[in-house]
Amino acid sequence: MTNTIQPQELRVGNLVLIDGVPKSVIEISIHGVCYVDDIKLFETYGNISPIPITEEILIKAGFEKSFGTNWEYERSIGAIKMYCLWNTEWYFELGGIYLGDHPKYLHQLQNIYYSLLGKELEIKL
């Protein structure tokens, strides 16, 4: 796999690809992660891939297509505004202050969301 994930990038609850199927991480160790697929299973980091952010994922995560603005997708949660220029860069603002993070993968977006709001980004894949 070319895009392996490092342990320090993950939190319990992150979604990753295992054998091409989205799975939710339930435990993290130095050797790999556990997930549930009818039973609790383990997978090493070399066999785990990140999930690229796509239009479908943005919509499932509550982003809406913007019309009449410079942004293609946006989501506001209180004072936090998240914007996306599709296929270029993500921009995050908190009360008008640019936060400077550019996630490419769903687990990165989940982590930023959790850091800013203290709750999980709800998304069903």
C-alpha atoms as a PDB file:
ATOM      1  CA  MET A   1       0.000   0.000   0.000  1.00  0.00           C
ATOM      2  CA  THR A   2       1.406   3.417  -0.886  1.00  0.00           C
ATOM      3  CA  ASN A   3      -0.476   5.579   1.622  1.00  0.00           C
ATOM      4  CA  THR A   4       0.080   3.837   4.928  1.00  0.00           C
ATOM      5  CA  ILE A   5      -1.129   5.504   8.101  1.00  0.00           C
ATOM      6  CA  GLN A   6       1.112   6.039  11.118  1.00  0.00           C
ATOM      7  CA  PRO A   7      -0.216   5.252  14.635  1.00  0.00           C
ATOM      8  CA  GLN A   8       0.103   8.875  15.798  1.00  0.00           C
ATOM      9  CA  GLU A   9      -2.292   9.988  13.031  1.00  0.00           C
ATOM     10  CA  LEU A  10      -5.194   7.905  14.349  1.00  0.00           C
ATOM     11  CA  ARG A  11      -7.801   8.199  17.071  1.00  0.00           C
ATOM     12  CA  VAL A  12     -10.386   5.646  18.146  1.00  0.00           C
ATOM     13  CA  GLY A  13     -13.406   6.212  15.888  1.00  0.00           C
ATOM     14  CA  ASN A  14     -11.407   7.167  12.768  1.00  0.00           C
ATOM     15  CA  LEU A  15     -12.543   5.563   9.528  1.00  0.00           C
ATOM     16  CA  VAL A  16      -9.882   3.816   7.414  1.00  0.00           C
ATOM     17  CA  LEU A  17      -9.825   1.363   4.506  1.00  0.00           C
ATOM     18  CA  ILE A  18      -9.029  -2.269   5.283  1.00  0.00           C
ATOM     19  CA  ASP A  19      -9.140  -4.553   2.242  1.00  0.00           C
ATOM     20  CA  GLY A  20     -10.844  -1.687   0.398  1.00  0.00           C
ATOM     21  CA  VAL A  21     -13.731  -1.495   2.891  1.00  0.00           C
ATOM     22  CA  PRO A  22     -14.284   1.416   5.333  1.00  0.00           C
ATOM     23  CA  LYS A  23     -13.827   0.302   8.959  1.00  0.00           C
ATOM     24  CA  SER A  24     -13.996   2.207  12.240  1.00  0.00           C
ATOM     25  CA  VAL A  25     -10.920   1.939  14.478  1.00  0.00           C
ATOM     26  CA  ILE A  26     -11.782   0.685  17.992  1.00  0.00           C
ATOM     27  CA  GLU A  27      -8.245   0.176  19.394  1.00  0.00           C
ATOM     28  CA  ILE A  28      -4.775   1.431  18.437  1.00  0.00           C
ATOM     29  CA  SER A  29      -1.436  -0.252  19.178  1.00  0.00           C
ATOM     30  CA  ILE A  30       2.124   0.222  17.966  1.00  0.00           C
ATOM     31  CA  HIS A  31       1.643  -2.683  15.532  1.00  0.00           C
ATOM     32  CA  GLY A  32      -1.815  -1.968  14.099  1.00  0.00           C
ATOM     33  CA  VAL A  33      -5.473  -1.346  14.845  1.00  0.00           C
ATOM     34  CA  CYS A  34      -8.500  -3.332  15.911  1.00  0.00           C
ATOM     35  CA  TYR A  35     -11.886  -3.001  14.248  1.00  0.00           C
ATOM     36  CA  VAL A  36     -15.150  -4.909  14.338  1.00  0.00           C
ATOM     37  CA  ASP A  37     -16.392  -6.997  11.434  1.00  0.00           C
ATOM     38  CA  ASP A  38     -18.892  -9.276  13.212  1.00  0.00           C
ATOM     39  CA  ILE A  39     -15.987 -10.055  15.574  1.00  0.00           C
ATOM     40  CA  LYS A  40     -13.046  -7.986  16.819  1.00  0.00           C
ATOM     41  CA  LEU A  41     -10.192  -8.184  14.283  1.00  0.00           C
ATOM     42  CA  PHE A  42      -6.637  -6.808  14.089  1.00  0.00           C
ATOM     43  CA  GLU A  43      -4.804  -5.335  11.085  1.00  0.00           C
ATOM     44  CA  THR A  44      -1.226  -4.046  10.754  1.00  0.00           C
ATOM     45  CA  TYR A  45      -0.529  -0.496   9.562  1.00  0.00           C
ATOM     46  CA  GLY A  46       0.943  -1.723   6.279  1.00  0.00           C
ATOM     47  CA  ASN A  47      -2.499  -3.030   5.290  1.00  0.00           C
ATOM     48  CA  ILE A  48      -4.479   0.078   6.271  1.00  0.00           C
ATOM     49  CA  SER A  49      -5.124   2.914   3.813  1.00  0.00           C
ATOM     50  CA  PRO A  50      -6.527   6.388   4.340  1.00  0.00           C
ATOM     51  CA  ILE A  51      -9.860   7.302   2.763  1.00  0.00           C
ATOM     52  CA  PRO A  52      -9.429  10.225   0.337  1.00  0.00           C
ATOM     53  CA  ILE A  53     -11.890  13.083   0.791  1.00  0.00           C
ATOM     54  CA  THR A  54     -14.371  13.047  -2.099  1.00  0.00           C
ATOM     55  CA  GLU A  55     -17.565  14.908  -2.966  1.00  0.00           C
ATOM     56  CA  GLU A  56     -19.592  11.937  -1.678  1.00  0.00           C
ATOM     57  CA  ILE A  57     -17.773  11.970   1.668  1.00  0.00           C
ATOM     58  CA  LEU A  58     -18.215  15.745   2.044  1.00  0.00           C
ATOM     59  CA  ILE A  59     -21.955  15.445   1.506  1.00  0.00           C
ATOM     60  CA  LYS A  60     -22.234  12.486   3.914  1.00  0.00           C
ATOM     61  CA  ALA A  61     -20.336  14.582   6.488  1.00  0.00           C
ATOM     62  CA  GLY A  62     -22.900  17.384   6.294  1.00  0.00           C
ATOM     63  CA  PHE A  63     -21.152  19.746   3.887  1.00  0.00           C
ATOM     64  CA  GLU A  64     -23.331  21.549   1.389  1.00  0.00           C
ATOM     65  CA  LYS A  65     -22.589  22.673  -2.120  1.00  0.00           C
ATOM     66  CA  SER A  66     -22.123  26.438  -2.193  1.00  0.00           C
ATOM     67  CA  PHE A  67     -23.638  28.586  -4.879  1.00  0.00           C
ATOM     68  CA  GLY A  68     -22.673  32.198  -5.472  1.00  0.00           C
ATOM     69  CA  THR A  69     -19.489  32.065  -3.372  1.00  0.00           C
ATOM     70  CA  ASN A  70     -15.829  31.310  -4.014  1.00  0.00           C
ATOM     71  CA  TRP A  71     -16.160  28.018  -2.145  1.00  0.00           C
ATOM     72  CA  GLU A  72     -17.507  24.822  -3.621  1.00  0.00           C
ATOM     73  CA  TYR A  73     -18.427  23.165  -0.285  1.00  0.00           C
ATOM     74  CA  GLU A  74     -18.978  24.604   3.151  1.00  0.00           C
ATOM     75  CA  ARG A  75     -20.181  23.727   6.608  1.00  0.00           C
ATOM     76  CA  SER A  76     -20.769  26.022   9.561  1.00  0.00           C
ATOM     77  CA  ILE A  77     -20.954  24.878  13.170  1.00  0.00           C
ATOM     78  CA  GLY A  78     -21.379  27.885  15.428  1.00  0.00           C
ATOM     79  CA  ALA A  79     -18.370  30.166  14.950  1.00  0.00           C
ATOM     80  CA  ILE A  80     -16.440  27.480  13.071  1.00  0.00           C
ATOM     81  CA  LYS A  81     -16.631  27.630   9.309  1.00  0.00           C
ATOM     82  CA  MET A  82     -15.131  24.974   7.077  1.00  0.00           C
ATOM     83  CA  TYR A  83     -14.670  25.656   3.383  1.00  0.00           C
ATOM     84  CA  CYS A  84     -13.392  23.618   0.493  1.00  0.00           C
ATOM     85  CA  LEU A  85     -12.142  24.675  -2.899  1.00  0.00           C
ATOM     86  CA  TRP A  86     -12.676  21.341  -4.623  1.00  0.00           C
ATOM     87  CA  ASN A  87      -9.479  19.541  -5.656  1.00  0.00           C
ATOM     88  CA  THR A  88      -7.249  22.290  -4.334  1.00  0.00           C
ATOM     89  CA  GLU A  89      -7.121  23.089  -0.630  1.00  0.00           C
ATOM     90  CA  TRP A  90      -9.232  23.027   2.496  1.00  0.00           C
ATOM     91  CA  TYR A  91      -9.574  26.193   4.531  1.00  0.00           C
ATOM     92  CA  PHE A  92     -10.742  26.270   8.130  1.00  0.00           C
ATOM     93  CA  GLU A  93     -11.726  29.392  10.011  1.00  0.00           C
ATOM     94  CA  LEU A  94     -12.641  29.972  13.619  1.00  0.00           C
ATOM     95  CA  GLY A  95     -14.276  33.352  14.163  1.00  0.00           C
ATOM     96  CA  GLY A  96     -12.619  34.700  11.008  1.00  0.00           C
ATOM     97  CA  ILE A  97      -9.119  33.418  11.928  1.00  0.00           C
ATOM     98  CA  TYR A  98      -7.549  31.056   9.406  1.00  0.00           C
ATOM     99  CA  LEU A  99      -6.449  27.814  11.102  1.00  0.00           C
ATOM    100  CA  GLY A 100      -4.074  26.595   8.381  1.00  0.00           C
ATOM    101  CA  ASP A 101      -4.795  22.879   8.021  1.00  0.00           C
ATOM    102  CA  HIS A 102      -5.279  21.074   4.702  1.00  0.00           C
ATOM    103  CA  PRO A 103      -6.544  17.516   5.210  1.00  0.00           C
ATOM    104  CA  LYS A 104      -6.510  15.164   2.240  1.00  0.00           C
ATOM    105  CA  TYR A 105      -7.982  12.155   4.031  1.00  0.00           C
ATOM    106  CA  LEU A 106     -11.114  11.491   6.037  1.00  0.00           C
ATOM    107  CA  HIS A 107      -9.287  10.554   9.261  1.00  0.00           C
ATOM    108  CA  GLN A 108      -7.491  13.942   9.142  1.00  0.00           C
ATOM    109  CA  LEU A 109     -10.811  15.768   8.718  1.00  0.00           C
ATOM    110  CA  GLN A 110     -12.285  13.723  11.582  1.00  0.00           C
ATOM    111  CA  ASN A 111      -9.336  14.661  13.822  1.00  0.00           C
ATOM    112  CA  ILE A 112      -9.580  18.393  13.044  1.00  0.00           C
ATOM    113  CA  TYR A 113     -13.333  18.353  13.624  1.00  0.00           C
ATOM    114  CA  TYR A 114     -12.841  16.594  16.967  1.00  0.00           C
ATOM    115  CA  SER A 115     -10.069  19.003  17.994  1.00  0.00           C
ATOM    116  CA  LEU A 116     -12.226  22.040  17.242  1.00  0.00           C
ATOM    117  CA  LEU A 117     -15.572  20.812  18.556  1.00  0.00           C
ATOM    118  CA  GLY A 118     -14.780  18.022  21.020  1.00  0.00           C
ATOM    119  CA  LYS A 119     -17.180  15.640  19.279  1.00  0.00           C
ATOM    120  CA  GLU A 120     -17.064  13.162  16.433  1.00  0.00           C
ATOM    121  CA  LEU A 121     -17.817  14.066  12.831  1.00  0.00           C
ATOM    122  CA  GLU A 122     -20.847  11.941  12.044  1.00  0.00           C
ATOM    123  CA  ILE A 123     -20.548  10.154   8.739  1.00  0.00           C
ATOM    124  CA  LYS A 124     -21.874   6.814   7.493  1.00  0.00           C
ATOM    125  CA  LEU A 125     -20.018   5.187   4.622  1.00  0.00           C
END
